[in-house]
PDB file of N, CA and C in Angstrom:
ATOM      1  N   MET A   1       0.816  -1.118  -0.005  1.00  0.00           N
ATOM      2  CA  MET A   1       0.007  -0.015   0.077  1.00  0.00           C
ATOM      3  C   MET A   1       0.960   1.235  -0.018  1.00  0.00           C
ATOM      4  N   ARG A   2       0.548   2.281  -0.685  1.00  0.00           N
ATOM      5  CA  ARG A   2       1.072   3.497  -0.714  1.00  0.00           C
ATOM      6  C   ARG A   2       0.430   4.599   0.040  1.00  0.00           C
ATOM      7  N   GLU A   3       1.100   5.621   0.511  1.00  0.00           N
ATOM      8  CA  GLU A   3       0.511   6.691   1.236  1.00  0.00           C
ATOM      9  C   GLU A   3       0.167   7.856   0.373  1.00  0.00           C
ATOM     10  N   PHE A   4      -1.041   8.480   0.648  1.00  0.00           N
ATOM     11  CA  PHE A   4      -1.448   9.632  -0.196  1.00  0.00           C
ATOM     12  C   PHE A   4      -1.927  10.678   0.844  1.00  0.00           C
ATOM     13  N   LEU A   5      -1.779  11.928   0.297  1.00  0.00           N
ATOM     14  CA  LEU A   5      -2.140  13.064   1.056  1.00  0.00           C
ATOM     15  C   LEU A   5      -3.263  13.635   0.200  1.00  0.00           C
ATOM     16  N   LEU A   6      -4.484  13.720   0.693  1.00  0.00           N
ATOM     17  CA  LEU A   6      -5.687  14.426   0.047  1.00  0.00           C
ATOM     18  C   LEU A   6      -5.824  15.812   0.729  1.00  0.00           C
ATOM     19  N   LEU A   7      -5.627  16.909  -0.156  1.00  0.00           N
ATOM     20  CA  LEU A   7      -5.818  18.237   0.422  1.00  0.00           C
ATOM     21  C   LEU A   7      -7.278  18.639   0.131  1.00  0.00           C
ATOM     22  N   ILE A   8      -7.978  18.983   1.145  1.00  0.00           N
ATOM     23  CA  ILE A   8      -9.309  19.428   0.990  1.00  0.00           C
ATOM     24  C   ILE A   8      -9.267  20.937   0.752  1.00  0.00           C
ATOM     25  N   ARG A   9      -9.717  21.357  -0.377  1.00  0.00           N
ATOM     26  CA  ARG A   9      -9.802  22.737  -0.788  1.00  0.00           C
ATOM     27  C   ARG A   9     -11.138  23.315  -0.739  1.00  0.00           C
ATOM     28  N   SER A  10     -11.310  24.572  -0.269  1.00  0.00           N
ATOM     29  CA  SER A  10     -12.539  25.264  -0.230  1.00  0.00           C
ATOM     30  C   SER A  10     -12.364  26.746  -0.568  1.00  0.00           C
ATOM     31  N   GLU A  11     -13.436  27.428  -0.724  1.00  0.00           N
ATOM     32  CA  GLU A  11     -13.463  28.879  -0.807  1.00  0.00           C
ATOM     33  C   GLU A  11     -13.824  29.409   0.409  1.00  0.00           C
ATOM     34  N   GLU A  12     -12.982  29.990   1.192  1.00  0.00           N
ATOM     35  CA  GLU A  12     -13.113  30.664   2.513  1.00  0.00           C
ATOM     36  C   GLU A  12     -13.780  29.643   3.445  1.00  0.00           C
ATOM     37  N   SER A  13     -14.880  29.866   4.076  1.00  0.00           N
ATOM     38  CA  SER A  13     -15.572  28.921   4.912  1.00  0.00           C
ATOM     39  C   SER A  13     -16.882  28.480   4.436  1.00  0.00           C
ATOM     40  N   PRO A  14     -16.903  27.297   3.610  1.00  0.00           N
ATOM     41  CA  PRO A  14     -18.140  27.026   2.969  1.00  0.00           C
ATOM     42  C   PRO A  14     -19.328  26.601   3.973  1.00  0.00           C
ATOM     43  N   LYS A  15     -18.871  26.228   5.210  1.00  0.00           N
ATOM     44  CA  LYS A  15     -20.023  25.764   6.070  1.00  0.00           C
ATOM     45  C   LYS A  15     -20.546  26.999   6.947  1.00  0.00           C
ATOM     46  N   ALA A  16     -19.966  28.260   6.646  1.00  0.00           N
ATOM     47  CA  ALA A  16     -20.406  29.425   7.501  1.00  0.00           C
ATOM     48  C   ALA A  16     -21.889  29.598   7.354  1.00  0.00           C
ATOM     49  N   ASN A  17     -22.501  29.277   6.178  1.00  0.00           N
ATOM     50  CA  ASN A  17     -23.881  29.672   5.923  1.00  0.00           C
ATOM     51  C   ASN A  17     -24.874  28.564   6.049  1.00  0.00           C
ATOM     52  N   LEU A  18     -24.317  27.503   6.560  1.00  0.00           N
ATOM     53  CA  LEU A  18     -25.253  26.293   6.791  1.00  0.00           C
ATOM     54  C   LEU A  18     -26.144  26.616   7.995  1.00  0.00           C
ATOM     55  N   SER A  19     -27.435  26.043   7.942  1.00  0.00           N
ATOM     56  CA  SER A  19     -28.176  26.088   9.096  1.00  0.00           C
ATOM     57  C   SER A  19     -27.686  24.976  10.119  1.00  0.00           C
ATOM     58  N   PRO A  20     -28.126  25.024  11.305  1.00  0.00           N
ATOM     59  CA  PRO A  20     -27.751  24.047  12.250  1.00  0.00           C
ATOM     60  C   PRO A  20     -28.038  22.632  11.810  1.00  0.00           C
ATOM     61  N   GLU A  21     -29.199  22.533  11.160  1.00  0.00           N
ATOM     62  CA  GLU A  21     -29.563  21.173  10.487  1.00  0.00           C
ATOM     63  C   GLU A  21     -28.682  20.759   9.423  1.00  0.00           C
ATOM     64  N   GLN A  22     -28.274  21.573   8.629  1.00  0.00           N
ATOM     65  CA  GLN A  22     -27.406  21.349   7.386  1.00  0.00           C
ATOM     66  C   GLN A  22     -26.148  21.093   7.973  1.00  0.00           C
ATOM     67  N   MET A  23     -25.673  21.767   9.073  1.00  0.00           N
ATOM     68  CA  MET A  23     -24.341  21.489   9.568  1.00  0.00           C
ATOM     69  C   MET A  23     -24.305  20.011  10.247  1.00  0.00           C
ATOM     70  N   GLN A  24     -25.256  19.659  10.949  1.00  0.00           N
ATOM     71  CA  GLN A  24     -25.380  18.445  11.471  1.00  0.00           C
ATOM     72  C   GLN A  24     -25.393  17.292  10.406  1.00  0.00           C
ATOM     73  N   GLN A  25     -26.067  17.532   9.294  1.00  0.00           N
ATOM     74  CA  GLN A  25     -26.058  16.569   8.285  1.00  0.00           C
ATOM     75  C   GLN A  25     -24.743  16.393   7.654  1.00  0.00           C
ATOM     76  N   HIS A  26     -24.016  17.598   7.466  1.00  0.00           N
ATOM     77  CA  HIS A  26     -22.665  17.559   6.967  1.00  0.00           C
ATOM     78  C   HIS A  26     -21.649  16.728   7.847  1.00  0.00           C
ATOM     79  N   ILE A  27     -21.790  17.064   9.117  1.00  0.00           N
ATOM     80  CA  ILE A  27     -20.909  16.323  10.050  1.00  0.00           C
ATOM     81  C   ILE A  27     -21.233  14.858   9.988  1.00  0.00           C
ATOM     82  N   GLU A  28     -22.422  14.406   9.956  1.00  0.00           N
ATOM     83  CA  GLU A  28     -22.723  12.978   9.950  1.00  0.00           C
ATOM     84  C   GLU A  28     -22.338  12.311   8.631  1.00  0.00           C
ATOM     85  N   LYS A  29     -22.564  13.038   7.553  1.00  0.00           N
ATOM     86  CA  LYS A  29     -22.034  12.365   6.296  1.00  0.00           C
ATOM     87  C   LYS A  29     -20.601  12.302   6.215  1.00  0.00           C
ATOM     88  N   VAL A  30     -19.859  13.440   6.457  1.00  0.00           N
ATOM     89  CA  VAL A  30     -18.327  13.251   6.389  1.00  0.00           C
ATOM     90  C   VAL A  30     -17.802  12.432   7.457  1.00  0.00           C
ATOM     91  N   GLY A  31     -18.454  12.468   8.745  1.00  0.00           N
ATOM     92  CA  GLY A  31     -17.914  11.605   9.746  1.00  0.00           C
ATOM     93  C   GLY A  31     -18.103  10.044   9.469  1.00  0.00           C
ATOM     94  N   GLY A  32     -19.200   9.801   8.748  1.00  0.00           N
ATOM     95  CA  GLY A  32     -19.445   8.405   8.404  1.00  0.00           C
ATOM     96  C   GLY A  32     -18.441   7.971   7.331  1.00  0.00           C
ATOM     97  N   TYR A  33     -18.166   8.778   6.394  1.00  0.00           N
ATOM     98  CA  TYR A  33     -17.232   8.505   5.293  1.00  0.00           C
ATOM     99  C   TYR A  33     -15.878   8.232   6.031  1.00  0.00           C
ATOM    100  N   LEU A  34     -15.424   9.090   6.870  1.00  0.00           N
ATOM    101  CA  LEU A  34     -14.040   8.984   7.555  1.00  0.00           C
ATOM    102  C   LEU A  34     -14.113   7.785   8.489  1.00  0.00           C
ATOM    103  N   GLN A  35     -15.273   7.434   9.079  1.00  0.00           N
ATOM    104  CA  GLN A  35     -15.239   6.235   9.915  1.00  0.00           C
ATOM    105  C   GLN A  35     -15.087   4.999   9.107  1.00  0.00           C
ATOM    106  N   ARG A  36     -15.834   4.967   7.943  1.00  0.00           N
ATOM    107  CA  ARG A  36     -15.733   3.832   7.041  1.00  0.00           C
ATOM    108  C   ARG A  36     -14.251   3.583   6.660  1.00  0.00           C
ATOM    109  N   LEU A  37     -13.564   4.655   6.251  1.00  0.00           N
ATOM    110  CA  LEU A  37     -12.168   4.535   5.785  1.00  0.00           C
ATOM    111  C   LEU A  37     -11.316   4.046   6.878  1.00  0.00           C
ATOM    112  N   THR A  38     -11.471   4.474   8.126  1.00  0.00           N
ATOM    113  CA  THR A  38     -10.900   4.143   9.236  1.00  0.00           C
ATOM    114  C   THR A  38     -10.936   2.592   9.493  1.00  0.00           C
ATOM    115  N   GLU A  39     -12.193   2.147   9.470  1.00  0.00           N
ATOM    116  CA  GLU A  39     -12.588   0.679   9.702  1.00  0.00           C
ATOM    117  C   GLU A  39     -11.918  -0.226   8.681  1.00  0.00           C
ATOM    118  N   GLU A  40     -11.756   0.336   7.412  1.00  0.00           N
ATOM    119  CA  GLU A  40     -11.109  -0.434   6.264  1.00  0.00           C
ATOM    120  C   GLU A  40      -9.564  -0.377   6.459  1.00  0.00           C
ATOM    121  N   GLY A  41      -9.090   0.306   7.433  1.00  0.00           N
ATOM    122  CA  GLY A  41      -7.627   0.457   7.586  1.00  0.00           C
ATOM    123  C   GLY A  41      -6.962   1.380   6.474  1.00  0.00           C
ATOM    124  N   ARG A  42      -7.696   2.202   5.863  1.00  0.00           N
ATOM    125  CA  ARG A  42      -7.048   3.104   4.855  1.00  0.00           C
ATOM    126  C   ARG A  42      -6.758   4.489   5.390  1.00  0.00           C
ATOM    127  N   MET A  43      -7.472   4.876   6.535  1.00  0.00           N
ATOM    128  CA  MET A  43      -7.263   6.284   7.055  1.00  0.00           C
ATOM    129  C   MET A  43      -6.074   6.303   8.052  1.00  0.00           C
ATOM    130  N   LYS A  44      -5.127   7.038   7.814  1.00  0.00           N
ATOM    131  CA  LYS A  44      -4.075   7.168   8.722  1.00  0.00           C
ATOM    132  C   LYS A  44      -4.384   8.326   9.743  1.00  0.00           C
ATOM    133  N   SER A  45      -4.801   9.575   9.085  1.00  0.00           N
ATOM    134  CA  SER A  45      -5.225  10.631   9.894  1.00  0.00           C
ATOM    135  C   SER A  45      -6.109  11.579   9.055  1.00  0.00           C
ATOM    136  N   ALA A  46      -6.884  12.439   9.621  1.00  0.00           N
ATOM    137  CA  ALA A  46      -7.610  13.454   8.969  1.00  0.00           C
ATOM    138  C   ALA A  46      -8.001  14.486   9.970  1.00  0.00           C
ATOM    139  N   GLN A  47      -7.779  15.785   9.532  1.00  0.00           N
ATOM    140  CA  GLN A  47      -8.048  16.819  10.546  1.00  0.00           C
ATOM    141  C   GLN A  47      -8.478  18.073   9.540  1.00  0.00           C
ATOM    142  N   PRO A  48      -9.392  18.916  10.159  1.00  0.00           N
ATOM    143  CA  PRO A  48      -9.565  20.210   9.399  1.00  0.00           C
ATOM    144  C   PRO A  48      -8.405  21.167   9.900  1.00  0.00           C
ATOM    145  N   LEU A  49      -8.240  22.206   9.051  1.00  0.00           N
ATOM    146  CA  LEU A  49      -7.234  23.183   9.394  1.00  0.00           C
ATOM    147  C   LEU A  49      -7.948  24.464   9.835  1.00  0.00           C
ATOM    148  N   GLU A  50      -7.267  25.287  10.701  1.00  0.00           N
ATOM    149  CA  GLU A  50      -7.857  26.639  11.014  1.00  0.00           C
ATOM    150  C   GLU A  50      -7.844  27.544   9.811  1.00  0.00           C
ATOM    151  N   MET A  51      -8.621  28.449   9.844  1.00  0.00           N
ATOM    152  CA  MET A  51      -8.844  29.377   8.699  1.00  0.00           C
ATOM    153  C   MET A  51      -7.674  30.302   8.556  1.00  0.00           C
ATOM    154  N   GLU A  52      -6.986  30.686   9.626  1.00  0.00           N
ATOM    155  CA  GLU A  52      -5.999  31.704   9.462  1.00  0.00           C
ATOM    156  C   GLU A  52      -4.660  30.938   9.239  1.00  0.00           C
ATOM    157  N   GLY A  53      -3.620  31.654   8.684  1.00  0.00           N
ATOM    158  CA  GLY A  53      -2.347  31.070   8.349  1.00  0.00           C
ATOM    159  C   GLY A  53      -1.570  32.078   7.547  1.00  0.00           C
ATOM    160  N   THR A  54      -0.478  31.735   7.096  1.00  0.00           N
ATOM    161  CA  THR A  54       0.311  32.659   6.340  1.00  0.00           C
ATOM    162  C   THR A  54       1.114  31.866   5.241  1.00  0.00           C
ATOM    163  N   MET A  55       1.587  32.465   4.245  1.00  0.00           N
ATOM    164  CA  MET A  55       2.361  31.828   3.254  1.00  0.00           C
ATOM    165  C   MET A  55       3.775  32.562   3.260  1.00  0.00           C
ATOM    166  N   LEU A  56       4.794  31.727   3.397  1.00  0.00           N
ATOM    167  CA  LEU A  56       6.265  32.232   3.522  1.00  0.00           C
ATOM    168  C   LEU A  56       6.861  31.919   2.204  1.00  0.00           C
ATOM    169  N   SER A  57       7.737  32.859   1.746  1.00  0.00           N
ATOM    170  CA  SER A  57       8.517  32.620   0.448  1.00  0.00           C
ATOM    171  C   SER A  57       9.904  33.121   0.783  1.00  0.00           C
ATOM    172  N   TYR A  58      10.825  32.576  -0.039  1.00  0.00           N
ATOM    173  CA  TYR A  58      12.194  33.044  -0.028  1.00  0.00           C
ATOM    174  C   TYR A  58      12.449  33.943  -1.264  1.00  0.00           C
ATOM    175  N   GLN A  59      12.899  35.188  -1.023  1.00  0.00           N
ATOM    176  CA  GLN A  59      13.149  36.091  -2.121  1.00  0.00           C
ATOM    177  C   GLN A  59      14.270  37.004  -1.762  1.00  0.00           C
ATOM    178  N   ASN A  60      15.198  37.013  -2.711  1.00  0.00           N
ATOM    179  CA  ASN A  60      16.355  37.986  -2.575  1.00  0.00           C
ATOM    180  C   ASN A  60      17.103  37.852  -1.200  1.00  0.00           C
ATOM    181  N   GLY A  61      17.303  36.598  -0.891  1.00  0.00           N
ATOM    182  CA  GLY A  61      17.968  36.334   0.439  1.00  0.00           C
ATOM    183  C   GLY A  61      17.252  36.552   1.705  1.00  0.00           C
ATOM    184  N   GLN A  62      15.883  36.761   1.554  1.00  0.00           N
ATOM    185  CA  GLN A  62      15.077  36.975   2.785  1.00  0.00           C
ATOM    186  C   GLN A  62      13.772  36.073   2.684  1.00  0.00           C
ATOM    187  N   ILE A  63      13.406  35.710   3.888  1.00  0.00           N
ATOM    188  CA  ILE A  63      11.997  35.051   3.970  1.00  0.00           C
ATOM    189  C   ILE A  63      11.055  35.988   4.206  1.00  0.00           C
ATOM    190  N   ILE A  64       9.974  36.143   3.268  1.00  0.00           N
ATOM    191  CA  ILE A  64       8.959  37.140   3.332  1.00  0.00           C
ATOM    192  C   ILE A  64       7.633  36.476   3.419  1.00  0.00           C
ATOM    193  N   ASP A  65       6.699  37.230   3.887  1.00  0.00           N
ATOM    194  CA  ASP A  65       5.336  36.861   4.095  1.00  0.00           C
ATOM    195  C   ASP A  65       4.542  37.078   2.791  1.00  0.00           C
ATOM    196  N   GLY A  66       4.207  36.048   1.969  1.00  0.00           N
ATOM    197  CA  GLY A  66       3.481  36.135   0.777  1.00  0.00           C
ATOM    198  C   GLY A  66       4.444  35.665  -0.334  1.00  0.00           C
ATOM    199  N   PRO A  67       4.194  35.811  -1.633  1.00  0.00           N
ATOM    200  CA  PRO A  67       2.898  36.420  -2.067  1.00  0.00           C
ATOM    201  C   PRO A  67       1.773  35.408  -1.988  1.00  0.00           C
ATOM    202  N   TYR A  68       0.533  36.055  -2.055  1.00  0.00           N
ATOM    203  CA  TYR A  68      -0.621  35.175  -1.986  1.00  0.00           C
ATOM    204  C   TYR A  68      -1.316  34.884  -3.326  1.00  0.00           C
ATOM    205  N   ASN A  69      -2.025  33.692  -3.436  1.00  0.00           N
ATOM    206  CA  ASN A  69      -2.747  33.453  -4.579  1.00  0.00           C
ATOM    207  C   ASN A  69      -3.924  34.550  -4.744  1.00  0.00           C
ATOM    208  N   GLU A  70      -4.295  34.881  -5.883  1.00  0.00           N
ATOM    209  CA  GLU A  70      -5.355  35.707  -6.124  1.00  0.00           C
ATOM    210  C   GLU A  70      -6.766  35.176  -5.767  1.00  0.00           C
ATOM    211  N   THR A  71      -6.834  33.874  -5.639  1.00  0.00           N
ATOM    212  CA  THR A  71      -8.017  33.172  -5.321  1.00  0.00           C
ATOM    213  C   THR A  71      -8.274  33.206  -3.834  1.00  0.00           C
ATOM    214  N   LYS A  72      -9.608  32.996  -3.522  1.00  0.00           N
ATOM    215  CA  LYS A  72      -9.928  32.932  -2.055  1.00  0.00           C
ATOM    216  C   LYS A  72      -9.915  31.496  -1.621  1.00  0.00           C
ATOM    217  N   GLU A  73      -9.434  30.534  -2.572  1.00  0.00           N
ATOM    218  CA  GLU A  73      -9.370  29.179  -2.149  1.00  0.00           C
ATOM    219  C   GLU A  73      -8.354  28.869  -1.216  1.00  0.00           C
ATOM    220  N   ILE A  74      -8.557  28.132  -0.087  1.00  0.00           N
ATOM    221  CA  ILE A  74      -7.702  27.719   0.841  1.00  0.00           C
ATOM    222  C   ILE A  74      -7.764  26.097   1.046  1.00  0.00           C
ATOM    223  N   ILE A  75      -6.543  25.522   1.522  1.00  0.00           N
ATOM    224  CA  ILE A  75      -6.634  24.303   2.049  1.00  0.00           C
ATOM    225  C   ILE A  75      -7.321  24.200   3.426  1.00  0.00           C
ATOM    226  N   SER A  76      -8.469  23.611   3.438  1.00  0.00           N
ATOM    227  CA  SER A  76      -9.215  23.656   4.765  1.00  0.00           C
ATOM    228  C   SER A  76      -9.100  22.324   5.643  1.00  0.00           C
ATOM    229  N   GLY A  77      -8.475  21.376   5.044  1.00  0.00           N
ATOM    230  CA  GLY A  77      -8.288  20.133   5.752  1.00  0.00           C
ATOM    231  C   GLY A  77      -7.368  19.134   4.935  1.00  0.00           C
ATOM    232  N   TYR A  78      -7.135  17.993   5.560  1.00  0.00           N
ATOM    233  CA  TYR A  78      -6.401  16.999   4.807  1.00  0.00           C
ATOM    234  C   TYR A  78      -6.839  15.629   5.338  1.00  0.00           C
ATOM    235  N   TYR A  79      -6.631  14.624   4.460  1.00  0.00           N
ATOM    236  CA  TYR A  79      -6.618  13.187   4.771  1.00  0.00           C
ATOM    237  C   TYR A  79      -5.376  12.537   4.386  1.00  0.00           C
ATOM    238  N   HIS A  80      -4.827  11.720   5.280  1.00  0.00           N
ATOM    239  CA  HIS A  80      -3.610  10.960   5.074  1.00  0.00           C
ATOM    240  C   HIS A  80      -4.045   9.551   4.946  1.00  0.00           C
ATOM    241  N   LEU A  81      -3.988   8.993   3.799  1.00  0.00           N
ATOM    242  CA  LEU A  81      -4.598   7.612   3.697  1.00  0.00           C
ATOM    243  C   LEU A  81      -3.728   6.693   2.895  1.00  0.00           C
ATOM    244  N   LEU A  82      -4.200   5.349   2.915  1.00  0.00           N
ATOM    245  CA  LEU A  82      -3.429   4.371   2.237  1.00  0.00           C
ATOM    246  C   LEU A  82      -4.288   3.876   0.979  1.00  0.00           C
ATOM    247  N   ALA A  83      -3.674   3.646  -0.032  1.00  0.00           N
ATOM    248  CA  ALA A  83      -4.298   3.005  -1.304  1.00  0.00           C
ATOM    249  C   ALA A  83      -3.269   2.286  -2.033  1.00  0.00           C
ATOM    250  N   LYS A  84      -3.618   1.379  -2.854  1.00  0.00           N
ATOM    251  CA  LYS A  84      -2.715   0.682  -3.637  1.00  0.00           C
ATOM    252  C   LYS A  84      -2.022   1.386  -4.700  1.00  0.00           C
ATOM    253  N   ASP A  85      -2.708   2.371  -5.254  1.00  0.00           N
ATOM    254  CA  ASP A  85      -2.135   3.244  -6.364  1.00  0.00           C
ATOM    255  C   ASP A  85      -2.937   4.524  -6.490  1.00  0.00           C
ATOM    256  N   MET A  86      -2.458   5.380  -7.452  1.00  0.00           N
ATOM    257  CA  MET A  86      -3.211   6.656  -7.639  1.00  0.00           C
ATOM    258  C   MET A  86      -4.760   6.448  -7.942  1.00  0.00           C
ATOM    259  N   GLU A  87      -4.881   5.542  -8.842  1.00  0.00           N
ATOM    260  CA  GLU A  87      -6.313   5.253  -9.249  1.00  0.00           C
ATOM    261  C   GLU A  87      -7.220   4.930  -8.160  1.00  0.00           C
ATOM    262  N   GLU A  88      -6.789   4.047  -7.170  1.00  0.00           N
ATOM    263  CA  GLU A  88      -7.603   3.749  -6.059  1.00  0.00           C
ATOM    264  C   GLU A  88      -7.678   5.005  -5.110  1.00  0.00           C
ATOM    265  N   ALA A  89      -6.687   5.828  -4.959  1.00  0.00           N
ATOM    266  CA  ALA A  89      -6.694   6.946  -4.087  1.00  0.00           C
ATOM    267  C   ALA A  89      -7.797   7.994  -4.696  1.00  0.00           C
ATOM    268  N   VAL A  90      -7.756   8.126  -5.967  1.00  0.00           N
ATOM    269  CA  VAL A  90      -8.701   9.064  -6.589  1.00  0.00           C
ATOM    270  C   VAL A  90     -10.155   8.480  -6.439  1.00  0.00           C
ATOM    271  N   SER A  91     -10.229   7.147  -6.590  1.00  0.00           N
ATOM    272  CA  SER A  91     -11.623   6.509  -6.359  1.00  0.00           C
ATOM    273  C   SER A  91     -12.087   6.849  -4.936  1.00  0.00           C
ATOM    274  N   ILE A  92     -11.273   6.634  -3.913  1.00  0.00           N
ATOM    275  CA  ILE A  92     -11.622   6.855  -2.509  1.00  0.00           C
ATOM    276  C   ILE A  92     -12.055   8.422  -2.415  1.00  0.00           C
ATOM    277  N   ALA A  93     -11.218   9.315  -3.001  1.00  0.00           N
ATOM    278  CA  ALA A  93     -11.619  10.686  -2.945  1.00  0.00           C
ATOM    279  C   ALA A  93     -12.933  11.114  -3.534  1.00  0.00           C
ATOM    280  N   LYS A  94     -13.200  10.511  -4.607  1.00  0.00           N
ATOM    281  CA  LYS A  94     -14.478  10.811  -5.249  1.00  0.00           C
ATOM    282  C   LYS A  94     -15.690  10.288  -4.325  1.00  0.00           C
ATOM    283  N   GLN A  95     -15.388   9.401  -3.428  1.00  0.00           N
ATOM    284  CA  GLN A  95     -16.560   9.024  -2.514  1.00  0.00           C
ATOM    285  C   GLN A  95     -16.812  10.051  -1.386  1.00  0.00           C
ATOM    286  N   ASP A  96     -15.911  11.174  -1.304  1.00  0.00           N
ATOM    287  CA  ASP A  96     -16.223  12.065  -0.186  1.00  0.00           C
ATOM    288  C   ASP A  96     -17.602  12.797  -0.350  1.00  0.00           C
ATOM    289  N   PRO A  97     -18.467  12.687   0.697  1.00  0.00           N
ATOM    290  CA  PRO A  97     -19.777  13.277   0.614  1.00  0.00           C
ATOM    291  C   PRO A  97     -19.710  14.878   0.313  1.00  0.00           C
ATOM    292  N   ARG A  98     -18.551  15.471   0.562  1.00  0.00           N
ATOM    293  CA  ARG A  98     -18.521  16.859   0.335  1.00  0.00           C
ATOM    294  C   ARG A  98     -18.786  17.153  -1.050  1.00  0.00           C
ATOM    295  N   PHE A  99     -18.560  16.356  -1.950  1.00  0.00           N
ATOM    296  CA  PHE A  99     -18.852  16.640  -3.364  1.00  0.00           C
ATOM    297  C   PHE A  99     -20.362  16.761  -3.675  1.00  0.00           C
ATOM    298  N   GLU A 100     -21.237  16.194  -2.856  1.00  0.00           N
ATOM    299  CA  GLU A 100     -22.677  16.298  -2.899  1.00  0.00           C
ATOM    300  C   GLU A 100     -23.069  17.762  -2.714  1.00  0.00           C
ATOM    301  N   GLU A 101     -22.233  18.538  -1.999  1.00  0.00           N
ATOM    302  CA  GLU A 101     -22.501  19.940  -1.643  1.00  0.00           C
ATOM    303  C   GLU A 101     -21.986  20.874  -2.868  1.00  0.00           C
ATOM    304  N   GLY A 102     -21.126  20.371  -3.670  1.00  0.00           N
ATOM    305  CA  GLY A 102     -20.652  21.116  -4.798  1.00  0.00           C
ATOM    306  C   GLY A 102     -19.704  22.239  -4.706  1.00  0.00           C
ATOM    307  N   ILE A 103     -19.144  22.386  -3.480  1.00  0.00           N
ATOM    308  CA  ILE A 103     -18.378  23.555  -3.160  1.00  0.00           C
ATOM    309  C   ILE A 103     -16.978  23.281  -2.661  1.00  0.00           C
ATOM    310  N   TRP A 104     -16.455  22.039  -2.988  1.00  0.00           N
ATOM    311  CA  TRP A 104     -15.222  21.601  -2.492  1.00  0.00           C
ATOM    312  C   TRP A 104     -14.436  21.127  -3.581  1.00  0.00           C
ATOM    313  N   ARG A 105     -13.033  21.017  -3.401  1.00  0.00           N
ATOM    314  CA  ARG A 105     -12.147  20.500  -4.348  1.00  0.00           C
ATOM    315  C   ARG A 105     -11.223  19.523  -3.480  1.00  0.00           C
ATOM    316  N   VAL A 106     -10.808  18.419  -4.042  1.00  0.00           N
ATOM    317  CA  VAL A 106      -9.726  17.716  -3.370  1.00  0.00           C
ATOM    318  C   VAL A 106      -8.586  17.339  -4.221  1.00  0.00           C
ATOM    319  N   GLU A 107      -7.397  17.698  -3.757  1.00  0.00           N
ATOM    320  CA  GLU A 107      -6.111  17.364  -4.447  1.00  0.00           C
ATOM    321  C   GLU A 107      -5.573  16.071  -3.867  1.00  0.00           C
ATOM    322  N   VAL A 108      -5.333  15.214  -4.749  1.00  0.00           N
ATOM    323  CA  VAL A 108      -4.721  13.872  -4.434  1.00  0.00           C
ATOM    324  C   VAL A 108      -3.283  13.824  -4.754  1.00  0.00           C
ATOM    325  N   ARG A 109      -2.468  13.628  -3.802  1.00  0.00           N
ATOM    326  CA  ARG A 109      -0.947  13.623  -4.017  1.00  0.00           C
ATOM    327  C   ARG A 109      -0.323  12.327  -3.383  1.00  0.00           C
ATOM    328  N   PRO A 110       0.529  11.537  -4.073  1.00  0.00           N
ATOM    329  CA  PRO A 110       1.201  10.486  -3.530  1.00  0.00           C
ATOM    330  C   PRO A 110       2.241  11.099  -2.678  1.00  0.00           C
ATOM    331  N   ILE A 111       2.478  10.405  -1.456  1.00  0.00           N
ATOM    332  CA  ILE A 111       3.603  10.805  -0.616  1.00  0.00           C
ATOM    333  C   ILE A 111       4.874  10.078  -1.077  1.00  0.00           C
ATOM    334  N   LYS A 112       5.902  10.882  -1.348  1.00  0.00           N
ATOM    335  CA  LYS A 112       7.154  10.479  -1.743  1.00  0.00           C
ATOM    336  C   LYS A 112       8.131  10.384  -0.527  1.00  0.00           C
ATOM    337  N   TYR A 113       8.641   9.126  -0.391  1.00  0.00           N
ATOM    338  CA  TYR A 113       9.518   8.922   0.651  1.00  0.00           C
ATOM    339  C   TYR A 113      11.004   9.048   0.306  1.00  0.00           C
ATOM    340  N   VAL A 114      11.759   9.792   1.032  1.00  0.00           N
ATOM    341  CA  VAL A 114      13.209   9.985   0.742  1.00  0.00           C
ATOM    342  C   VAL A 114      13.982   9.377   1.969  1.00  0.00           C
ATOM    343  N   GLU A 115      14.885   8.445   1.735  1.00  0.00           N
ATOM    344  CA  GLU A 115      15.658   7.832   2.887  1.00  0.00           C
ATOM    345  C   GLU A 115      16.341   8.953   3.683  1.00  0.00           C
ATOM    346  N   GLY A 116      16.300   8.738   4.981  1.00  0.00           N
ATOM    347  CA  GLY A 116      17.069   9.666   5.867  1.00  0.00           C
ATOM    348  C   GLY A 116      16.338  10.817   6.337  1.00  0.00           C
ATOM    349  N   ILE A 117      15.098  11.101   5.833  1.00  0.00           N
ATOM    350  CA  ILE A 117      14.329  12.234   6.182  1.00  0.00           C
ATOM    351  C   ILE A 117      13.671  12.068   7.607  1.00  0.00           C
ATOM    352  N   ASN A 118      13.071  10.763   7.732  1.00  0.00           N
ATOM    353  CA  ASN A 118      12.408  10.368   8.983  1.00  0.00           C
ATOM    354  C   ASN A 118      12.946   9.159   9.466  1.00  0.00           C
TER     355      ASN A 118
END
């Protein structure tokens, strides 16, 4: 099995305008999806990310704050999971119930291991 990082992308805070009932439905759907992946032994970890953060860059010998993308899209969470290959990882990502809400994007990236880093 290979490890993959799925980056959950959204525009600002897509859950901010949900009613309490819609929020509860969202939590139950996504929670069920994550629970199933955990029970299958595919989920290593998953967490939402805080909305605030910063982008650091190296420019002209200095570390600077920025530049920022022009979009309001942010990485709002991640899944660290196991799959046999990219095709299976994409298949798992497509099952995320967030897609039913139509306001999310998921970037699927294989984790590359380099000897001696960890």
